[in-house]
C-alpha cells in the first residue's frame, strides 16, 4: 500500500507527462527507479492479475474456523 500515501499521490499527480509516459511506455519514473534492482523481464512484462486462494483457505485453512465463528 505504499502507493496510496497521500504525499506520494500529490507528488505523482504534479509530475510532468514526460516523467509518466515516455515513448509510449507508462509508469516511466517507477520503472527507471527500479531498473537497477529488478530484472528487465519483470520490468517490461504485461500486467498480471493476482488471485488469492480463498477457496483453499475456507476449505482447509484457519479462515474456515474464523468464518464459522462469525456465522
PDB file of N, CA and C in Angstrom:
ATOM      1  N   UNK A   1       0.783  -1.208   0.000  1.00  0.00           N
ATOM      2  CA  UNK A   1       0.000   0.000   0.000  1.00  0.00           C
ATOM      3  C   UNK A   1       0.830   1.280   0.000  1.00  0.00           C
ATOM      4  N   UNK A   2       2.137   1.211  -0.254  1.00  0.00           N
ATOM      5  CA  UNK A   2       2.889   2.470  -0.226  1.00  0.00           C
ATOM      6  C   UNK A   2       2.456   3.445  -1.307  1.00  0.00           C
ATOM      7  N   UNK A   3       1.826   2.952  -2.374  1.00  0.00           N
ATOM      8  CA  UNK A   3       1.422   3.842  -3.454  1.00  0.00           C
ATOM      9  C   UNK A   3       0.124   4.575  -3.122  1.00  0.00           C
ATOM     10  N   UNK A   4      -0.462   4.322  -1.966  1.00  0.00           N
ATOM     11  CA  UNK A   4      -1.674   5.017  -1.551  1.00  0.00           C
ATOM     12  C   UNK A   4      -1.365   6.185  -0.620  1.00  0.00           C
ATOM     13  N   UNK A   5      -0.102   6.426  -0.358  1.00  0.00           N
ATOM     14  CA  UNK A   5       0.309   7.523   0.504  1.00  0.00           C
ATOM     15  C   UNK A   5      -0.115   8.858  -0.124  1.00  0.00           C
ATOM     16  N   UNK A   6      -0.766   9.692   0.646  1.00  0.00           N
ATOM     17  CA  UNK A   6      -1.296  10.963   0.153  1.00  0.00           C
ATOM     18  C   UNK A   6      -0.205  11.853  -0.434  1.00  0.00           C
ATOM     19  N   UNK A   7       0.925  11.926   0.247  1.00  0.00           N
ATOM     20  CA  UNK A   7       2.020  12.767  -0.254  1.00  0.00           C
ATOM     21  C   UNK A   7       2.568  12.241  -1.577  1.00  0.00           C
ATOM     22  N   UNK A   8       2.659  10.927  -1.704  1.00  0.00           N
ATOM     23  CA  UNK A   8       3.149  10.334  -2.952  1.00  0.00           C
ATOM     24  C   UNK A   8       2.169  10.589  -4.099  1.00  0.00           C
ATOM     25  N   UNK A   9       0.884  10.477  -3.818  1.00  0.00           N
ATOM     26  CA  UNK A   9      -0.134  10.732  -4.848  1.00  0.00           C
ATOM     27  C   UNK A   9      -0.071  12.193  -5.297  1.00  0.00           C
ATOM     28  N   UNK A  10       0.057  13.105  -4.352  1.00  0.00           N
ATOM     29  CA  UNK A  10       0.163  14.527  -4.684  1.00  0.00           C
ATOM     30  C   UNK A  10       1.400  14.781  -5.543  1.00  0.00           C
ATOM     31  N   UNK A  11       2.514  14.177  -5.155  1.00  0.00           N
ATOM     32  CA  UNK A  11       3.754  14.322  -5.927  1.00  0.00           C
ATOM     33  C   UNK A  11       3.575  13.794  -7.347  1.00  0.00           C
ATOM     34  N   UNK A  12       3.006  12.587  -7.471  1.00  0.00           N
ATOM     35  CA  UNK A  12       2.862  11.951  -8.784  1.00  0.00           C
ATOM     36  C   UNK A  12       1.905  12.715  -9.694  1.00  0.00           C
ATOM     37  N   UNK A  13       0.837  13.264  -9.143  1.00  0.00           N
ATOM     38  CA  UNK A  13      -0.131  13.981  -9.975  1.00  0.00           C
ATOM     39  C   UNK A  13       0.409  15.324 -10.469  1.00  0.00           C
ATOM     40  N   UNK A  14       1.482  15.797  -9.843  1.00  0.00           N
ATOM     41  CA  UNK A  14       2.082  17.066 -10.266  1.00  0.00           C
ATOM     42  C   UNK A  14       3.304  16.888 -11.154  1.00  0.00           C
ATOM     43  N   UNK A  15       3.648  15.653 -11.482  1.00  0.00           N
ATOM     44  CA  UNK A  15       4.791  15.403 -12.359  1.00  0.00           C
ATOM     45  C   UNK A  15       4.440  15.755 -13.800  1.00  0.00           C
ATOM     46  N   UNK A  16       5.412  16.253 -14.554  1.00  0.00           N
ATOM     47  CA  UNK A  16       5.171  16.490 -15.979  1.00  0.00           C
ATOM     48  C   UNK A  16       4.921  15.166 -16.693  1.00  0.00           C
ATOM     49  N   UNK A  17       4.168  15.205 -17.767  1.00  0.00           N
ATOM     50  CA  UNK A  17       3.824  13.986 -18.505  1.00  0.00           C
ATOM     51  C   UNK A  17       5.067  13.223 -18.967  1.00  0.00           C
ATOM     52  N   UNK A  18       6.147  13.928 -19.243  1.00  0.00           N
ATOM     53  CA  UNK A  18       7.387  13.291 -19.680  1.00  0.00           C
ATOM     54  C   UNK A  18       7.859  12.228 -18.685  1.00  0.00           C
ATOM     55  N   UNK A  19       7.640  12.470 -17.396  1.00  0.00           N
ATOM     56  CA  UNK A  19       8.053  11.515 -16.383  1.00  0.00           C
ATOM     57  C   UNK A  19       7.092  10.327 -16.280  1.00  0.00           C
ATOM     58  N   UNK A  20       5.872  10.507 -16.727  1.00  0.00           N
ATOM     59  CA  UNK A  20       4.868   9.457 -16.593  1.00  0.00           C
ATOM     60  C   UNK A  20       4.842   8.530 -17.801  1.00  0.00           C
ATOM     61  N   UNK A  21       4.887   9.104 -18.993  1.00  0.00           N
ATOM     62  CA  UNK A  21       4.847   8.320 -20.225  1.00  0.00           C
ATOM     63  C   UNK A  21       5.967   8.806 -21.129  1.00  0.00           C
ATOM     64  N   UNK A  22       6.814   7.876 -21.571  1.00  0.00           N
ATOM     65  CA  UNK A  22       7.906   8.237 -22.465  1.00  0.00           C
ATOM     66  C   UNK A  22       8.004   7.159 -23.535  1.00  0.00           C
ATOM     67  N   UNK A  23       7.933   7.563 -24.774  1.00  0.00           N
ATOM     68  CA  UNK A  23       7.967   6.621 -25.902  1.00  0.00           C
ATOM     69  C   UNK A  23       6.862   5.572 -25.789  1.00  0.00           C
ATOM     70  N   UNK A  24       5.712   5.968 -25.284  1.00  0.00           N
ATOM     71  CA  UNK A  24       4.580   5.061 -25.169  1.00  0.00           C
ATOM     72  C   UNK A  24       4.658   4.106 -23.989  1.00  0.00           C
ATOM     73  N   UNK A  25       5.707   4.217 -23.178  1.00  0.00           N
ATOM     74  CA  UNK A  25       5.868   3.332 -22.017  1.00  0.00           C
ATOM     75  C   UNK A  25       5.352   4.059 -20.786  1.00  0.00           C
ATOM     76  N   UNK A  26       4.365   3.449 -20.139  1.00  0.00           N
ATOM     77  CA  UNK A  26       3.751   4.057 -18.951  1.00  0.00           C
ATOM     78  C   UNK A  26       4.578   3.775 -17.699  1.00  0.00           C
ATOM     79  N   UNK A  27       4.302   4.524 -16.650  1.00  0.00           N
ATOM     80  CA  UNK A  27       4.978   4.391 -15.353  1.00  0.00           C
ATOM     81  C   UNK A  27       6.494   4.500 -15.512  1.00  0.00           C
ATOM     82  N   UNK A  28       6.908   5.409 -16.372  1.00  0.00           N
ATOM     83  CA  UNK A  28       8.323   5.554 -16.710  1.00  0.00           C
ATOM     84  C   UNK A  28       9.189   5.823 -15.485  1.00  0.00           C
ATOM     85  N   UNK A  29       8.779   6.750 -14.625  1.00  0.00           N
ATOM     86  CA  UNK A  29       9.603   7.117 -13.470  1.00  0.00           C
ATOM     87  C   UNK A  29       9.727   5.937 -12.498  1.00  0.00           C
ATOM     88  N   UNK A  30       8.678   5.159 -12.352  1.00  0.00           N
ATOM     89  CA  UNK A  30       8.710   3.995 -11.472  1.00  0.00           C
ATOM     90  C   UNK A  30       9.646   2.923 -12.032  1.00  0.00           C
ATOM     91  N   UNK A  31       9.550   2.684 -13.330  1.00  0.00           N
ATOM     92  CA  UNK A  31      10.428   1.697 -13.978  1.00  0.00           C
ATOM     93  C   UNK A  31      11.896   2.130 -13.882  1.00  0.00           C
ATOM     94  N   UNK A  32      12.148   3.413 -14.109  1.00  0.00           N
ATOM     95  CA  UNK A  32      13.524   3.913 -14.017  1.00  0.00           C
ATOM     96  C   UNK A  32      14.062   3.793 -12.593  1.00  0.00           C
ATOM     97  N   UNK A  33      13.219   4.029 -11.617  1.00  0.00           N
ATOM     98  CA  UNK A  33      13.646   3.964 -10.218  1.00  0.00           C
ATOM     99  C   UNK A  33      14.073   2.547  -9.818  1.00  0.00           C
ATOM    100  N   UNK A  34      13.438   1.538 -10.402  1.00  0.00           N
ATOM    101  CA  UNK A  34      13.728   0.156 -10.021  1.00  0.00           C
ATOM    102  C   UNK A  34      14.575  -0.590 -11.046  1.00  0.00           C
ATOM    103  N   UNK A  35      15.053   0.102 -12.072  1.00  0.00           N
ATOM    104  CA  UNK A  35      15.801  -0.545 -13.151  1.00  0.00           C
ATOM    105  C   UNK A  35      17.035  -1.302 -12.648  1.00  0.00           C
ATOM    106  N   UNK A  36      17.748  -0.770 -11.655  1.00  0.00           N
ATOM    107  CA  UNK A  36      18.961  -1.424 -11.143  1.00  0.00           C
ATOM    108  C   UNK A  36      18.646  -2.573 -10.186  1.00  0.00           C
ATOM    109  N   UNK A  37      17.408  -2.661  -9.733  1.00  0.00           N
ATOM    110  CA  UNK A  37      17.036  -3.664  -8.738  1.00  0.00           C
ATOM    111  C   UNK A  37      16.315  -4.848  -9.366  1.00  0.00           C
ATOM    112  N   UNK A  38      15.416  -4.583 -10.305  1.00  0.00           N
ATOM    113  CA  UNK A  38      14.584  -5.628 -10.889  1.00  0.00           C
ATOM    114  C   UNK A  38      15.089  -6.070 -12.256  1.00  0.00           C
ATOM    115  N   UNK A  39      14.813  -7.315 -12.587  1.00  0.00           N
ATOM    116  CA  UNK A  39      15.190  -7.883 -13.874  1.00  0.00           C
ATOM    117  C   UNK A  39      14.385  -7.220 -14.997  1.00  0.00           C
ATOM    118  N   UNK A  40      14.994  -7.063 -16.168  1.00  0.00           N
ATOM    119  CA  UNK A  40      14.324  -6.439 -17.314  1.00  0.00           C
ATOM    120  C   UNK A  40      13.034  -7.158 -17.693  1.00  0.00           C
ATOM    121  N   UNK A  41      13.026  -8.489 -17.620  1.00  0.00           N
ATOM    122  CA  UNK A  41      11.809  -9.240 -17.953  1.00  0.00           C
ATOM    123  C   UNK A  41      10.657  -8.848 -17.037  1.00  0.00           C
ATOM    124  N   UNK A  42      10.967  -8.640 -15.783  1.00  0.00           N
ATOM    125  CA  UNK A  42       9.941  -8.249 -14.818  1.00  0.00           C
ATOM    126  C   UNK A  42       9.471  -6.818 -15.066  1.00  0.00           C
ATOM    127  N   UNK A  43      10.389  -5.932 -15.345  1.00  0.00           N
ATOM    128  CA  UNK A  43      10.042  -4.530 -15.585  1.00  0.00           C
ATOM    129  C   UNK A  43       9.186  -4.337 -16.831  1.00  0.00           C
ATOM    130  N   UNK A  44       9.381  -5.181 -17.818  1.00  0.00           N
ATOM    131  CA  UNK A  44       8.717  -4.982 -19.107  1.00  0.00           C
ATOM    132  C   UNK A  44       7.571  -5.951 -19.379  1.00  0.00           C
ATOM    133  N   UNK A  45       7.238  -6.803 -18.438  1.00  0.00           N
ATOM    134  CA  UNK A  45       6.164  -7.761 -18.704  1.00  0.00           C
ATOM    135  C   UNK A  45       4.797  -7.085 -18.622  1.00  0.00           C
ATOM    136  N   UNK A  46       3.820  -7.755 -19.210  1.00  0.00           N
ATOM    137  CA  UNK A  46       2.450  -7.243 -19.193  1.00  0.00           C
ATOM    138  C   UNK A  46       1.871  -7.339 -17.784  1.00  0.00           C
ATOM    139  N   UNK A  47       0.864  -6.564 -17.551  1.00  0.00           N
ATOM    140  CA  UNK A  47       0.171  -6.566 -16.272  1.00  0.00           C
ATOM    141  C   UNK A  47      -0.438  -7.940 -16.019  1.00  0.00           C
ATOM    142  N   UNK A  48      -0.352  -8.425 -14.779  1.00  0.00           N
ATOM    143  CA  UNK A  48      -0.901  -9.726 -14.423  1.00  0.00           C
ATOM    144  C   UNK A  48      -1.838  -9.586 -13.230  1.00  0.00           C
ATOM    145  N   UNK A  49      -2.852 -10.419 -13.224  1.00  0.00           N
ATOM    146  CA  UNK A  49      -3.764 -10.426 -12.098  1.00  0.00           C
ATOM    147  C   UNK A  49      -3.168 -11.185 -10.923  1.00  0.00           C
ATOM    148  N   UNK A  50      -3.757 -11.022  -9.774  1.00  0.00           N
ATOM    149  CA  UNK A  50      -3.298 -11.714  -8.580  1.00  0.00           C
ATOM    150  C   UNK A  50      -4.503 -12.361  -7.912  1.00  0.00           C
ATOM    151  N   UNK A  51      -4.509 -13.680  -7.868  1.00  0.00           N
ATOM    152  CA  UNK A  51      -5.624 -14.404  -7.275  1.00  0.00           C
ATOM    153  C   UNK A  51      -5.252 -14.905  -5.887  1.00  0.00           C
ATOM    154  N   UNK A  52      -6.161 -14.740  -4.964  1.00  0.00           N
ATOM    155  CA  UNK A  52      -5.965 -15.267  -3.618  1.00  0.00           C
ATOM    156  C   UNK A  52      -6.601 -16.651  -3.534  1.00  0.00           C
ATOM    157  N   UNK A  53      -5.970 -17.578  -2.825  1.00  0.00           N
ATOM    158  CA  UNK A  53      -6.529 -18.929  -2.699  1.00  0.00           C
ATOM    159  C   UNK A  53      -7.612 -19.003  -1.618  1.00  0.00           C
ATOM    160  N   UNK A  54      -8.632 -18.151  -1.734  1.00  0.00           N
ATOM    161  CA  UNK A  54      -9.664 -18.056  -0.702  1.00  0.00           C
ATOM    162  C   UNK A  54     -10.397 -19.380  -0.527  1.00  0.00           C
ATOM    163  N   UNK A  55     -10.739 -20.054  -1.630  1.00  0.00           N
ATOM    164  CA  UNK A  55     -11.440 -21.332  -1.543  1.00  0.00           C
ATOM    165  C   UNK A  55     -10.633 -22.329  -0.714  1.00  0.00           C
ATOM    166  N   UNK A  56      -9.331 -22.406  -0.983  1.00  0.00           N
ATOM    167  CA  UNK A  56      -8.462 -23.320  -0.234  1.00  0.00           C
ATOM    168  C   UNK A  56      -8.430 -22.934   1.244  1.00  0.00           C
ATOM    169  N   UNK A  57      -8.341 -21.642   1.515  1.00  0.00           N
ATOM    170  CA  UNK A  57      -8.310 -21.176   2.895  1.00  0.00           C
ATOM    171  C   UNK A  57      -9.602 -21.532   3.619  1.00  0.00           C
ATOM    172  N   UNK A  58     -10.739 -21.392   2.938  1.00  0.00           N
ATOM    173  CA  UNK A  58     -12.023 -21.673   3.575  1.00  0.00           C
ATOM    174  C   UNK A  58     -12.244 -23.169   3.775  1.00  0.00           C
ATOM    175  N   UNK A  59     -11.749 -23.991   2.861  1.00  0.00           N
ATOM    176  CA  UNK A  59     -11.964 -25.437   2.963  1.00  0.00           C
ATOM    177  C   UNK A  59     -11.058 -26.055   4.014  1.00  0.00           C
ATOM    178  N   UNK A  60      -9.784 -25.712   4.015  1.00  0.00           N
ATOM    179  CA  UNK A  60      -8.861 -26.445   4.880  1.00  0.00           C
ATOM    180  C   UNK A  60      -8.054 -25.574   5.833  1.00  0.00           C
ATOM    181  N   UNK A  61      -8.152 -24.283   5.700  1.00  0.00           N
ATOM    182  CA  UNK A  61      -7.290 -23.415   6.494  1.00  0.00           C
ATOM    183  C   UNK A  61      -7.971 -22.826   7.708  1.00  0.00           C
ATOM    184  N   UNK A  62      -7.223 -21.968   8.390  1.00  0.00           N
ATOM    185  CA  UNK A  62      -7.715 -21.309   9.582  1.00  0.00           C
ATOM    186  C   UNK A  62      -8.858 -20.347   9.311  1.00  0.00           C
ATOM    187  N   UNK A  63      -8.998 -19.896   8.086  1.00  0.00           N
ATOM    188  CA  UNK A  63     -10.098 -18.994   7.763  1.00  0.00           C
ATOM    189  C   UNK A  63     -11.449 -19.657   7.977  1.00  0.00           C
ATOM    190  N   UNK A  64     -11.505 -20.976   7.740  1.00  0.00           N
ATOM    191  CA  UNK A  64     -12.769 -21.692   7.926  1.00  0.00           C
ATOM    192  C   UNK A  64     -13.243 -21.562   9.369  1.00  0.00           C
ATOM    193  N   UNK A  65     -12.328 -21.767  10.303  1.00  0.00           N
ATOM    194  CA  UNK A  65     -12.684 -21.661  11.721  1.00  0.00           C
ATOM    195  C   UNK A  65     -13.143 -20.250  12.070  1.00  0.00           C
ATOM    196  N   UNK A  66     -12.428 -19.255  11.549  1.00  0.00           N
ATOM    197  CA  UNK A  66     -12.812 -17.862  11.804  1.00  0.00           C
ATOM    198  C   UNK A  66     -14.181 -17.558  11.209  1.00  0.00           C
ATOM    199  N   UNK A  67     -14.431 -18.051  10.007  1.00  0.00           N
ATOM    200  CA  UNK A  67     -15.694 -17.826   9.334  1.00  0.00           C
ATOM    201  C   UNK A  67     -16.855 -18.475  10.100  1.00  0.00           C
ATOM    202  N   UNK A  68     -16.629 -19.700  10.579  1.00  0.00           N
ATOM    203  CA  UNK A  68     -17.671 -20.405  11.328  1.00  0.00           C
ATOM    204  C   UNK A  68     -18.005 -19.698  12.632  1.00  0.00           C
ATOM    205  N   UNK A  69     -17.037 -19.047  13.248  1.00  0.00           N
ATOM    206  CA  UNK A  69     -17.285 -18.290  14.475  1.00  0.00           C
ATOM    207  C   UNK A  69     -18.214 -17.105  14.216  1.00  0.00           C
ATOM    208  N   UNK A  70     -18.031 -16.485  13.049  1.00  0.00           N
ATOM    209  CA  UNK A  70     -18.829 -15.323  12.691  1.00  0.00           C
ATOM    210  C   UNK A  70     -20.259 -15.736  12.354  1.00  0.00           C
ATOM    211  N   UNK A  71     -20.396 -16.833  11.613  1.00  0.00           N
ATOM    212  CA  UNK A  71     -21.711 -17.284  11.150  1.00  0.00           C
ATOM    213  C   UNK A  71     -22.316 -18.096  12.226  1.00  0.00           C
TER     214      UNK A  71
END
